[in-house]
Amino acid sequence: MRLLTIAFGPHRVEMLGLMEKQIKRHQVLILEEPPHPDFHRVLKRKASIRNYLATGDFGFPRYVLRAYRLYQQLYTAQGISFFQVDPYLAIAKNLAEGQAPRTKREYAVWQREHEAADSLLQYYTAAASQNFEAMVRTVKLFARSDARRIRLREEMRSEAIAGILKETSGDVYVEAGYIHLILYPLLKKAVPPEVRPRVLFLLGEPIRQLTHLPWRQPLSPGDVLTLRYVYGKPEGPGDSLLAAQSLVYVHLVSKEEKLPTPADPYPHLREELALCNWVRRLTYQECAGFFRRPDPVASKN
């Protein structure tokens, strides 16, 4: 039986040790990123990682720099086969560079990106007017459009991964962002019977160490709201509260990439666990009041 591990987790430097331990048990690594022409030159150390980073739009450069150093080591020492697989993002990148949609698939991506951009613009308009109710409404709108985008992205990715399985041998490790949980059931349907998909939540053990609770991944209110829509749930009475809590969470959570230290090996995880716990206790009125204060950041202290 061939093993297909879908490893869910955030793109953080603190994840790399956890990832390395798991990746070494596999022969094939499928990354969650669109193909780049210089990728294999970087793996073979024929191109600079820093120059590679300069040619793309990487949201987590500190993570990517260290991750690619790890990939070079794994490629050289263990001969792991690497694939960059994210057809949705590849098409979205081409569309963003001015290519007009020509195929049904490209048009579907264009439509999802257009919907997400439009809902995000509506949110910015609401935020500029400081209308909290409108902000909540547009957060729900964006979550629904983002859910449709995630669903299409993972449908396309599961199809591409199934194709790679036919061309390779050995156990496969699939990198997946923690919000993309729908990839697992999609892959279960797409792979042949001799392949056994399994889910791995990379942060499960660190969370148990920090909280002594059997949680698998901290989910912010916005994550919960988006996942509800990914799985086709209709809007419920609690969605406005989740959207309101999400506004507070996004305002407070650190935006910069943190580096782990011996004293604090999981700085992002530690912060997000504490912030999720605090934010999820807020009422709708408390969230609204948070944004009506002169200094929202100071209001938490």
C-alpha atoms as a PDB file:
ATOM      1  CA  MET A   1       0.000   0.000   0.000  1.00  0.00           C
ATOM      2  CA  ARG A   2       1.366   3.370  -1.046  1.00  0.00           C
ATOM      3  CA  LEU A   3       1.107   6.189   1.509  1.00  0.00           C
ATOM      4  CA  LEU A   4      -0.109   9.681   0.620  1.00  0.00           C
ATOM      5  CA  THR A   5       0.395  12.090   3.537  1.00  0.00           C
ATOM      6  CA  ILE A   6      -1.487  15.386   3.392  1.00  0.00           C
ATOM      7  CA  ALA A   7       0.378  17.572   5.886  1.00  0.00           C
ATOM      8  CA  PHE A   8      -1.619  20.596   7.051  1.00  0.00           C
ATOM      9  CA  GLY A   9       0.087  23.547   8.684  1.00  0.00           C
ATOM     10  CA  PRO A  10       0.982  27.243   8.355  1.00  0.00           C
ATOM     11  CA  HIS A  11       3.975  28.564   6.449  1.00  0.00           C
ATOM     12  CA  ARG A  12       6.103  29.512   9.453  1.00  0.00           C
ATOM     13  CA  VAL A  13       9.803  29.099  10.213  1.00  0.00           C
ATOM     14  CA  GLU A  14       8.865  27.269  13.415  1.00  0.00           C
ATOM     15  CA  MET A  15       7.299  24.523  11.269  1.00  0.00           C
ATOM     16  CA  LEU A  16      10.486  23.485   9.475  1.00  0.00           C
ATOM     17  CA  GLY A  17      11.799  21.048  12.083  1.00  0.00           C
ATOM     18  CA  LEU A  18       8.410  19.325  12.234  1.00  0.00           C
ATOM     19  CA  MET A  19       8.261  19.181   8.439  1.00  0.00           C
ATOM     20  CA  GLU A  20      11.771  17.788   8.029  1.00  0.00           C
ATOM     21  CA  LYS A  21      11.089  14.898  10.360  1.00  0.00           C
ATOM     22  CA  GLN A  22       8.009  13.887   8.370  1.00  0.00           C
ATOM     23  CA  ILE A  23       9.317  14.564   4.851  1.00  0.00           C
ATOM     24  CA  LYS A  24      12.284  12.232   5.388  1.00  0.00           C
ATOM     25  CA  ARG A  25       9.835   9.318   5.608  1.00  0.00           C
ATOM     26  CA  HIS A  26       8.685   9.900   2.015  1.00  0.00           C
ATOM     27  CA  GLN A  27      10.165   9.643  -1.459  1.00  0.00           C
ATOM     28  CA  VAL A  28       8.110  12.335  -3.190  1.00  0.00           C
ATOM     29  CA  LEU A  29       7.374  15.888  -1.993  1.00  0.00           C
ATOM     30  CA  ILE A  30       4.570  17.934  -3.560  1.00  0.00           C
ATOM     31  CA  LEU A  31       4.790  21.608  -2.681  1.00  0.00           C
ATOM     32  CA  GLU A  32       1.867  24.011  -2.515  1.00  0.00           C
ATOM     33  CA  GLU A  33       3.141  26.522  -5.068  1.00  0.00           C
ATOM     34  CA  PRO A  34       2.990  27.102  -8.820  1.00  0.00           C
ATOM     35  CA  PRO A  35       5.852  25.826 -10.990  1.00  0.00           C
ATOM     36  CA  HIS A  36       8.880  28.102 -11.381  1.00  0.00           C
ATOM     37  CA  PRO A  37      11.386  27.624 -14.252  1.00  0.00           C
ATOM     38  CA  ASP A  38      14.398  27.892 -11.937  1.00  0.00           C
ATOM     39  CA  PHE A  39      13.106  25.624  -9.173  1.00  0.00           C
ATOM     40  CA  HIS A  40      15.166  22.542  -9.996  1.00  0.00           C
ATOM     41  CA  ARG A  41      18.257  24.670 -10.647  1.00  0.00           C
ATOM     42  CA  VAL A  42      17.873  25.932  -7.075  1.00  0.00           C
ATOM     43  CA  LEU A  43      17.522  22.364  -5.759  1.00  0.00           C
ATOM     44  CA  LYS A  44      20.756  21.438  -7.552  1.00  0.00           C
ATOM     45  CA  ARG A  45      22.456  24.579  -6.150  1.00  0.00           C
ATOM     46  CA  LYS A  46      22.968  25.948  -9.653  1.00  0.00           C
ATOM     47  CA  ALA A  47      20.913  29.046  -8.853  1.00  0.00           C
ATOM     48  CA  SER A  48      20.821  31.256  -5.771  1.00  0.00           C
ATOM     49  CA  ILE A  49      17.860  30.972  -3.411  1.00  0.00           C
ATOM     50  CA  ARG A  50      17.949  34.726  -2.777  1.00  0.00           C
ATOM     51  CA  ASN A  51      17.880  35.486  -6.508  1.00  0.00           C
ATOM     52  CA  TYR A  52      15.042  32.995  -6.835  1.00  0.00           C
ATOM     53  CA  LEU A  53      13.097  34.805  -4.120  1.00  0.00           C
ATOM     54  CA  ALA A  54      13.620  38.097  -5.943  1.00  0.00           C
ATOM     55  CA  THR A  55      11.838  36.749  -9.035  1.00  0.00           C
ATOM     56  CA  GLY A  56       8.569  35.855  -7.302  1.00  0.00           C
ATOM     57  CA  ASP A  57       5.940  37.121  -4.916  1.00  0.00           C
ATOM     58  CA  PHE A  58       6.559  35.134  -1.748  1.00  0.00           C
ATOM     59  CA  GLY A  59       4.365  36.100   1.192  1.00  0.00           C
ATOM     60  CA  PHE A  60       6.685  34.511   3.763  1.00  0.00           C
ATOM     61  CA  PRO A  61      10.261  35.175   2.583  1.00  0.00           C
ATOM     62  CA  ARG A  62      11.956  34.142   5.838  1.00  0.00           C
ATOM     63  CA  TYR A  63      10.119  30.831   5.734  1.00  0.00           C
ATOM     64  CA  VAL A  64      10.778  30.238   2.035  1.00  0.00           C
ATOM     65  CA  LEU A  65      14.501  31.001   2.356  1.00  0.00           C
ATOM     66  CA  ARG A  66      14.951  28.429   5.116  1.00  0.00           C
ATOM     67  CA  ALA A  67      12.548  25.940   3.568  1.00  0.00           C
ATOM     68  CA  TYR A  68      14.490  25.950   0.314  1.00  0.00           C
ATOM     69  CA  ARG A  69      17.732  25.336   2.162  1.00  0.00           C
ATOM     70  CA  LEU A  70      16.035  22.310   3.699  1.00  0.00           C
ATOM     71  CA  TYR A  71      14.783  21.179   0.282  1.00  0.00           C
ATOM     72  CA  GLN A  72      18.328  21.373  -1.108  1.00  0.00           C
ATOM     73  CA  GLN A  73      19.575  19.145   1.717  1.00  0.00           C
ATOM     74  CA  LEU A  74      16.782  16.609   1.235  1.00  0.00           C
ATOM     75  CA  TYR A  75      17.278  16.553  -2.532  1.00  0.00           C
ATOM     76  CA  THR A  76      21.036  15.980  -2.227  1.00  0.00           C
ATOM     77  CA  ALA A  77      21.082  13.589   0.729  1.00  0.00           C
ATOM     78  CA  GLN A  78      17.969  11.508   0.091  1.00  0.00           C
ATOM     79  CA  GLY A  79      17.149  11.966  -3.587  1.00  0.00           C
ATOM     80  CA  ILE A  80      13.579  13.017  -2.854  1.00  0.00           C
ATOM     81  CA  SER A  81      11.578  13.944  -5.953  1.00  0.00           C
ATOM     82  CA  PHE A  82      10.110  17.455  -5.803  1.00  0.00           C
ATOM     83  CA  PHE A  83       7.047  18.820  -7.563  1.00  0.00           C
ATOM     84  CA  GLN A  84       5.507  22.278  -7.456  1.00  0.00           C
ATOM     85  CA  VAL A  85       1.761  21.786  -7.821  1.00  0.00           C
ATOM     86  CA  ASP A  86      -0.830  24.548  -7.632  1.00  0.00           C
ATOM     87  CA  PRO A  87      -2.598  24.924 -10.999  1.00  0.00           C
ATOM     88  CA  TYR A  88      -5.007  27.545  -9.669  1.00  0.00           C
ATOM     89  CA  LEU A  89      -2.230  29.877  -8.519  1.00  0.00           C
ATOM     90  CA  ALA A  90      -0.336  29.327 -11.777  1.00  0.00           C
ATOM     91  CA  ILE A  91      -3.357  30.470 -13.776  1.00  0.00           C
ATOM     92  CA  ALA A  92      -4.103  33.342 -11.383  1.00  0.00           C
ATOM     93  CA  LYS A  93      -0.519  34.564 -11.767  1.00  0.00           C
ATOM     94  CA  ASN A  94      -0.808  34.579 -15.564  1.00  0.00           C
ATOM     95  CA  LEU A  95      -4.126  36.433 -15.387  1.00  0.00           C
ATOM     96  CA  ALA A  96      -2.644  39.000 -13.005  1.00  0.00           C
ATOM     97  CA  GLU A  97       0.145  39.608 -15.533  1.00  0.00           C
ATOM     98  CA  GLY A  98      -2.403  40.518 -18.197  1.00  0.00           C
ATOM     99  CA  GLN A  99      -3.213  37.221 -19.914  1.00  0.00           C
ATOM    100  CA  ALA A 100      -6.863  37.006 -20.927  1.00  0.00           C
ATOM    101  CA  PRO A 101      -8.730  33.810 -19.950  1.00  0.00           C
ATOM    102  CA  ARG A 102      -8.954  31.450 -22.931  1.00  0.00           C
ATOM    103  CA  THR A 103     -10.148  28.128 -21.532  1.00  0.00           C
ATOM    104  CA  LYS A 104     -13.066  27.147 -19.327  1.00  0.00           C
ATOM    105  CA  ARG A 105     -10.660  26.508 -16.453  1.00  0.00           C
ATOM    106  CA  GLU A 106      -8.942  29.875 -16.863  1.00  0.00           C
ATOM    107  CA  TYR A 107     -12.283  31.647 -16.965  1.00  0.00           C
ATOM    108  CA  ALA A 108     -13.358  29.853 -13.772  1.00  0.00           C
ATOM    109  CA  VAL A 109     -10.197  31.082 -12.014  1.00  0.00           C
ATOM    110  CA  TRP A 110     -10.717  34.598 -13.372  1.00  0.00           C
ATOM    111  CA  GLN A 111     -14.274  34.597 -12.048  1.00  0.00           C
ATOM    112  CA  ARG A 112     -13.208  33.443  -8.570  1.00  0.00           C
ATOM    113  CA  GLU A 113     -10.427  36.025  -8.406  1.00  0.00           C
ATOM    114  CA  HIS A 114     -12.761  38.760  -9.630  1.00  0.00           C
ATOM    115  CA  GLU A 115     -15.359  37.851  -6.982  1.00  0.00           C
ATOM    116  CA  ALA A 116     -12.747  37.866  -4.207  1.00  0.00           C
ATOM    117  CA  ALA A 117     -11.280  41.194  -5.322  1.00  0.00           C
ATOM    118  CA  ASP A 118     -14.745  42.772  -5.531  1.00  0.00           C
ATOM    119  CA  SER A 119     -15.736  41.615  -2.033  1.00  0.00           C
ATOM    120  CA  LEU A 120     -12.393  42.801  -0.649  1.00  0.00           C
ATOM    121  CA  LEU A 121     -12.961  46.225  -2.210  1.00  0.00           C
ATOM    122  CA  GLN A 122     -16.374  46.375  -0.561  1.00  0.00           C
ATOM    123  CA  TYR A 123     -14.715  45.626   2.775  1.00  0.00           C
ATOM    124  CA  TYR A 124     -12.161  48.407   2.316  1.00  0.00           C
ATOM    125  CA  THR A 125     -14.985  50.811   1.506  1.00  0.00           C
ATOM    126  CA  ALA A 126     -16.843  49.786   4.670  1.00  0.00           C
ATOM    127  CA  ALA A 127     -13.664  50.081   6.760  1.00  0.00           C
ATOM    128  CA  ALA A 128     -12.944  53.540   5.383  1.00  0.00           C
ATOM    129  CA  SER A 129     -16.410  54.674   6.460  1.00  0.00           C
ATOM    130  CA  GLN A 130     -15.875  53.120   9.932  1.00  0.00           C
ATOM    131  CA  ASN A 131     -19.237  51.376   9.631  1.00  0.00           C
ATOM    132  CA  PHE A 132     -18.828  48.283  11.803  1.00  0.00           C
ATOM    133  CA  GLU A 133     -22.026  46.565  10.659  1.00  0.00           C
ATOM    134  CA  ALA A 134     -20.989  47.039   7.020  1.00  0.00           C
ATOM    135  CA  MET A 135     -17.519  45.706   7.853  1.00  0.00           C
ATOM    136  CA  VAL A 136     -19.070  42.564   9.353  1.00  0.00           C
ATOM    137  CA  ARG A 137     -21.331  42.119   6.354  1.00  0.00           C
ATOM    138  CA  THR A 138     -18.446  42.438   3.879  1.00  0.00           C
ATOM    139  CA  VAL A 139     -16.235  40.081   5.923  1.00  0.00           C
ATOM    140  CA  LYS A 140     -18.923  37.425   5.482  1.00  0.00           C
ATOM    141  CA  LEU A 141     -19.114  38.267   1.778  1.00  0.00           C
ATOM    142  CA  PHE A 142     -15.366  37.885   1.387  1.00  0.00           C
ATOM    143  CA  ALA A 143     -15.321  34.642   3.387  1.00  0.00           C
ATOM    144  CA  ARG A 144     -17.923  33.185   1.033  1.00  0.00           C
ATOM    145  CA  SER A 145     -16.036  34.256  -2.098  1.00  0.00           C
ATOM    146  CA  ASP A 146     -12.747  33.023  -0.610  1.00  0.00           C
ATOM    147  CA  ALA A 147     -14.392  29.677   0.171  1.00  0.00           C
ATOM    148  CA  ARG A 148     -15.441  29.298  -3.469  1.00  0.00           C
ATOM    149  CA  ARG A 149     -11.881  30.130  -4.490  1.00  0.00           C
ATOM    150  CA  ILE A 150     -10.418  27.575  -2.055  1.00  0.00           C
ATOM    151  CA  ARG A 151     -12.800  24.890  -3.246  1.00  0.00           C
ATOM    152  CA  LEU A 152     -11.859  25.361  -6.911  1.00  0.00           C
ATOM    153  CA  ARG A 153      -8.169  25.599  -6.070  1.00  0.00           C
ATOM    154  CA  GLU A 154      -8.196  22.279  -4.212  1.00  0.00           C
ATOM    155  CA  GLU A 155     -10.301  20.567  -6.873  1.00  0.00           C
ATOM    156  CA  MET A 156      -7.666  21.522  -9.435  1.00  0.00           C
ATOM    157  CA  ARG A 157      -4.797  20.584  -7.151  1.00  0.00           C
ATOM    158  CA  SER A 158      -6.231  17.162  -6.246  1.00  0.00           C
ATOM    159  CA  GLU A 159      -6.593  16.359  -9.942  1.00  0.00           C
ATOM    160  CA  ALA A 160      -2.976  17.361 -10.609  1.00  0.00           C
ATOM    161  CA  ILE A 161      -1.680  15.362  -7.620  1.00  0.00           C
ATOM    162  CA  ALA A 162      -3.542  12.274  -8.832  1.00  0.00           C
ATOM    163  CA  GLY A 163      -1.744  12.674 -12.149  1.00  0.00           C
ATOM    164  CA  ILE A 164       1.669  12.842 -10.449  1.00  0.00           C
ATOM    165  CA  LEU A 165       0.921   9.651  -8.533  1.00  0.00           C
ATOM    166  CA  LYS A 166       0.686   7.826 -11.854  1.00  0.00           C
ATOM    167  CA  GLU A 167       4.170   9.022 -12.846  1.00  0.00           C
ATOM    168  CA  THR A 168       6.006   8.339  -9.561  1.00  0.00           C
ATOM    169  CA  SER A 169       6.635   5.606  -7.032  1.00  0.00           C
ATOM    170  CA  GLY A 170       7.098   5.593  -3.279  1.00  0.00           C
ATOM    171  CA  ASP A 171       5.320   7.391  -0.479  1.00  0.00           C
ATOM    172  CA  VAL A 172       4.202  10.962  -1.116  1.00  0.00           C
ATOM    173  CA  TYR A 173       4.178  14.008   1.176  1.00  0.00           C
ATOM    174  CA  VAL A 174       1.771  16.783   0.158  1.00  0.00           C
ATOM    175  CA  GLU A 175       2.251  20.270   1.588  1.00  0.00           C
ATOM    176  CA  ALA A 176      -1.066  21.982   2.350  1.00  0.00           C
ATOM    177  CA  GLY A 177      -2.058  25.161   4.132  1.00  0.00           C
ATOM    178  CA  TYR A 178      -4.188  24.500   7.187  1.00  0.00           C
ATOM    179  CA  ILE A 179      -7.254  26.231   5.692  1.00  0.00           C
ATOM    180  CA  HIS A 180      -7.303  23.782   2.758  1.00  0.00           C
ATOM    181  CA  LEU A 181      -8.823  20.852   4.635  1.00  0.00           C
ATOM    182  CA  ILE A 182     -11.136  20.062   1.722  1.00  0.00           C
ATOM    183  CA  LEU A 183      -8.096  18.662  -0.122  1.00  0.00           C
ATOM    184  CA  TYR A 184      -8.253  15.434   1.896  1.00  0.00           C
ATOM    185  CA  PRO A 185     -11.748  14.249   0.850  1.00  0.00           C
ATOM    186  CA  LEU A 186     -11.057  15.376  -2.710  1.00  0.00           C
ATOM    187  CA  LEU A 187      -7.867  13.303  -2.842  1.00  0.00           C
ATOM    188  CA  LYS A 188      -9.630  10.294  -1.331  1.00  0.00           C
ATOM    189  CA  LYS A 189     -11.930  10.335  -4.344  1.00  0.00           C
ATOM    190  CA  ALA A 190      -9.192  11.020  -6.884  1.00  0.00           C
ATOM    191  CA  VAL A 191      -6.499   8.467  -6.000  1.00  0.00           C
ATOM    192  CA  PRO A 192      -6.505   4.759  -6.939  1.00  0.00           C
ATOM    193  CA  PRO A 193      -7.313   2.034  -4.355  1.00  0.00           C
ATOM    194  CA  GLU A 194      -3.660   1.108  -3.829  1.00  0.00           C
ATOM    195  CA  VAL A 195      -2.945   4.606  -2.441  1.00  0.00           C
ATOM    196  CA  ARG A 196      -3.839   5.299   1.199  1.00  0.00           C
ATOM    197  CA  PRO A 197      -4.355   9.005   1.964  1.00  0.00           C
ATOM    198  CA  ARG A 198      -3.809  10.094   5.546  1.00  0.00           C
ATOM    199  CA  VAL A 199      -4.037  13.461   7.295  1.00  0.00           C
ATOM    200  CA  LEU A 200      -1.189  14.894   9.332  1.00  0.00           C
ATOM    201  CA  PHE A 201      -1.660  18.045  11.425  1.00  0.00           C
ATOM    202  CA  LEU A 202       1.898  19.217  11.947  1.00  0.00           C
ATOM    203  CA  LEU A 203       1.049  21.390  14.940  1.00  0.00           C
ATOM    204  CA  GLY A 204      -0.813  18.687  16.848  1.00  0.00           C
ATOM    205  CA  GLU A 205       2.072  17.717  19.123  1.00  0.00           C
ATOM    206  CA  PRO A 206       3.301  21.289  19.826  1.00  0.00           C
ATOM    207  CA  ILE A 207      -0.257  22.271  20.732  1.00  0.00           C
ATOM    208  CA  ARG A 208      -0.458  19.377  23.198  1.00  0.00           C
ATOM    209  CA  GLN A 209       2.854  20.496  24.702  1.00  0.00           C
ATOM    210  CA  LEU A 210       1.639  24.080  25.145  1.00  0.00           C
ATOM    211  CA  THR A 211      -1.977  23.466  26.175  1.00  0.00           C
ATOM    212  CA  HIS A 212      -2.276  19.778  27.172  1.00  0.00           C
ATOM    213  CA  LEU A 213      -5.309  19.712  24.868  1.00  0.00           C
ATOM    214  CA  PRO A 214      -5.842  17.379  21.874  1.00  0.00           C
ATOM    215  CA  TRP A 215      -6.267  20.220  19.366  1.00  0.00           C
ATOM    216  CA  ARG A 216      -4.852  19.791  15.891  1.00  0.00           C
ATOM    217  CA  GLN A 217      -4.607  23.359  14.605  1.00  0.00           C
ATOM    218  CA  PRO A 218      -5.610  26.752  16.035  1.00  0.00           C
ATOM    219  CA  LEU A 219      -8.387  28.233  13.911  1.00  0.00           C
ATOM    220  CA  SER A 220      -9.194  31.919  14.100  1.00  0.00           C
ATOM    221  CA  PRO A 221     -12.850  33.045  13.894  1.00  0.00           C
ATOM    222  CA  GLY A 222     -12.239  33.979  10.255  1.00  0.00           C
ATOM    223  CA  ASP A 223     -10.867  30.505   9.527  1.00  0.00           C
ATOM    224  CA  VAL A 224     -13.951  28.896  11.078  1.00  0.00           C
ATOM    225  CA  LEU A 225     -16.250  31.151   9.074  1.00  0.00           C
ATOM    226  CA  THR A 226     -14.455  30.419   5.806  1.00  0.00           C
ATOM    227  CA  LEU A 227     -14.396  26.668   6.427  1.00  0.00           C
ATOM    228  CA  ARG A 228     -18.137  26.699   7.095  1.00  0.00           C
ATOM    229  CA  TYR A 229     -18.643  28.083   3.610  1.00  0.00           C
ATOM    230  CA  VAL A 230     -16.034  25.781   2.031  1.00  0.00           C
ATOM    231  CA  TYR A 231     -18.131  22.842   3.202  1.00  0.00           C
ATOM    232  CA  GLY A 232     -21.329  24.409   1.886  1.00  0.00           C
ATOM    233  CA  LYS A 233     -22.920  25.469   5.159  1.00  0.00           C
ATOM    234  CA  PRO A 234     -25.661  28.106   4.820  1.00  0.00           C
ATOM    235  CA  GLU A 235     -25.258  31.375   6.665  1.00  0.00           C
ATOM    236  CA  GLY A 236     -26.154  30.845  10.307  1.00  0.00           C
ATOM    237  CA  PRO A 237     -26.967  33.089  13.267  1.00  0.00           C
ATOM    238  CA  GLY A 238     -23.409  32.813  14.591  1.00  0.00           C
ATOM    239  CA  ASP A 239     -21.713  33.980  11.397  1.00  0.00           C
ATOM    240  CA  SER A 240     -21.938  37.682  12.220  1.00  0.00           C
ATOM    241  CA  LEU A 241     -20.243  37.055  15.571  1.00  0.00           C
ATOM    242  CA  LEU A 242     -17.468  35.069  13.875  1.00  0.00           C
ATOM    243  CA  ALA A 243     -16.979  37.913  11.375  1.00  0.00           C
ATOM    244  CA  ALA A 244     -16.882  40.489  14.178  1.00  0.00           C
ATOM    245  CA  GLN A 245     -14.367  38.433  16.163  1.00  0.00           C
ATOM    246  CA  SER A 246     -12.326  37.977  12.993  1.00  0.00           C
ATOM    247  CA  LEU A 247     -12.003  41.737  12.599  1.00  0.00           C
ATOM    248  CA  VAL A 248     -10.525  42.011  16.087  1.00  0.00           C
ATOM    249  CA  TYR A 249      -8.238  39.008  15.583  1.00  0.00           C
ATOM    250  CA  VAL A 250      -6.808  40.278  12.285  1.00  0.00           C
ATOM    251  CA  HIS A 251      -6.238  43.701  13.818  1.00  0.00           C
ATOM    252  CA  LEU A 252      -4.213  42.262  16.710  1.00  0.00           C
ATOM    253  CA  VAL A 253      -2.317  39.278  15.308  1.00  0.00           C
ATOM    254  CA  SER A 254       1.345  39.848  14.420  1.00  0.00           C
ATOM    255  CA  LYS A 255       1.949  40.548  10.753  1.00  0.00           C
ATOM    256  CA  GLU A 256       5.729  40.097  10.695  1.00  0.00           C
ATOM    257  CA  GLU A 257       7.430  36.715  10.465  1.00  0.00           C
ATOM    258  CA  LYS A 258       8.777  35.649  13.848  1.00  0.00           C
ATOM    259  CA  LEU A 259      11.795  33.422  14.281  1.00  0.00           C
ATOM    260  CA  PRO A 260      11.815  30.615  16.867  1.00  0.00           C
ATOM    261  CA  THR A 261      14.328  30.620  19.712  1.00  0.00           C
ATOM    262  CA  PRO A 262      15.286  27.957  22.285  1.00  0.00           C
ATOM    263  CA  ALA A 263      13.201  29.843  24.852  1.00  0.00           C
ATOM    264  CA  ASP A 264      10.238  30.258  22.492  1.00  0.00           C
ATOM    265  CA  PRO A 265      10.283  27.539  19.795  1.00  0.00           C
ATOM    266  CA  TYR A 266       6.741  28.271  18.552  1.00  0.00           C
ATOM    267  CA  PRO A 267       6.235  32.052  18.773  1.00  0.00           C
ATOM    268  CA  HIS A 268       3.431  32.256  16.215  1.00  0.00           C
ATOM    269  CA  LEU A 269       1.607  29.254  17.616  1.00  0.00           C
ATOM    270  CA  ARG A 270       1.846  30.552  21.160  1.00  0.00           C
ATOM    271  CA  GLU A 271       0.483  33.962  20.147  1.00  0.00           C
ATOM    272  CA  GLU A 272      -2.307  32.567  18.000  1.00  0.00           C
ATOM    273  CA  LEU A 273      -3.494  30.127  20.657  1.00  0.00           C
ATOM    274  CA  ALA A 274      -3.721  32.907  23.232  1.00  0.00           C
ATOM    275  CA  LEU A 275      -5.359  35.345  20.829  1.00  0.00           C
ATOM    276  CA  CYS A 276      -7.899  32.804  19.565  1.00  0.00           C
ATOM    277  CA  ASN A 277      -8.817  31.950  23.142  1.00  0.00           C
ATOM    278  CA  TRP A 278      -9.302  35.628  24.038  1.00  0.00           C
ATOM    279  CA  VAL A 279     -11.139  36.720  20.883  1.00  0.00           C
ATOM    280  CA  ARG A 280     -13.601  33.822  20.864  1.00  0.00           C
ATOM    281  CA  ARG A 281     -14.916  35.026  24.262  1.00  0.00           C
ATOM    282  CA  LEU A 282     -15.905  38.461  22.913  1.00  0.00           C
ATOM    283  CA  THR A 283     -19.548  39.338  22.280  1.00  0.00           C
ATOM    284  CA  TYR A 284     -20.629  41.134  19.130  1.00  0.00           C
ATOM    285  CA  GLN A 285     -21.082  44.352  21.098  1.00  0.00           C
ATOM    286  CA  GLU A 286     -17.579  44.050  22.582  1.00  0.00           C
ATOM    287  CA  CYS A 287     -16.102  43.618  19.111  1.00  0.00           C
ATOM    288  CA  ALA A 288     -17.955  46.690  17.880  1.00  0.00           C
ATOM    289  CA  GLY A 289     -16.799  48.650  20.917  1.00  0.00           C
ATOM    290  CA  PHE A 290     -13.213  47.587  20.263  1.00  0.00           C
ATOM    291  CA  PHE A 291     -13.254  49.444  16.936  1.00  0.00           C
ATOM    292  CA  ARG A 292     -14.975  52.518  18.336  1.00  0.00           C
ATOM    293  CA  ARG A 293     -12.197  53.175  20.841  1.00  0.00           C
ATOM    294  CA  PRO A 294      -9.434  55.644  19.976  1.00  0.00           C
ATOM    295  CA  ASP A 295      -6.673  53.041  20.388  1.00  0.00           C
ATOM    296  CA  PRO A 296      -7.951  49.505  19.648  1.00  0.00           C
ATOM    297  CA  VAL A 297      -4.573  47.864  20.276  1.00  0.00           C
ATOM    298  CA  ALA A 298      -4.285  49.392  23.724  1.00  0.00           C
ATOM    299  CA  SER A 299      -7.805  48.265  24.577  1.00  0.00           C
ATOM    300  CA  LYS A 300      -6.679  44.627  24.808  1.00  0.00           C
ATOM    301  CA  ASN A 301      -4.131  45.422  27.538  1.00  0.00           C
END
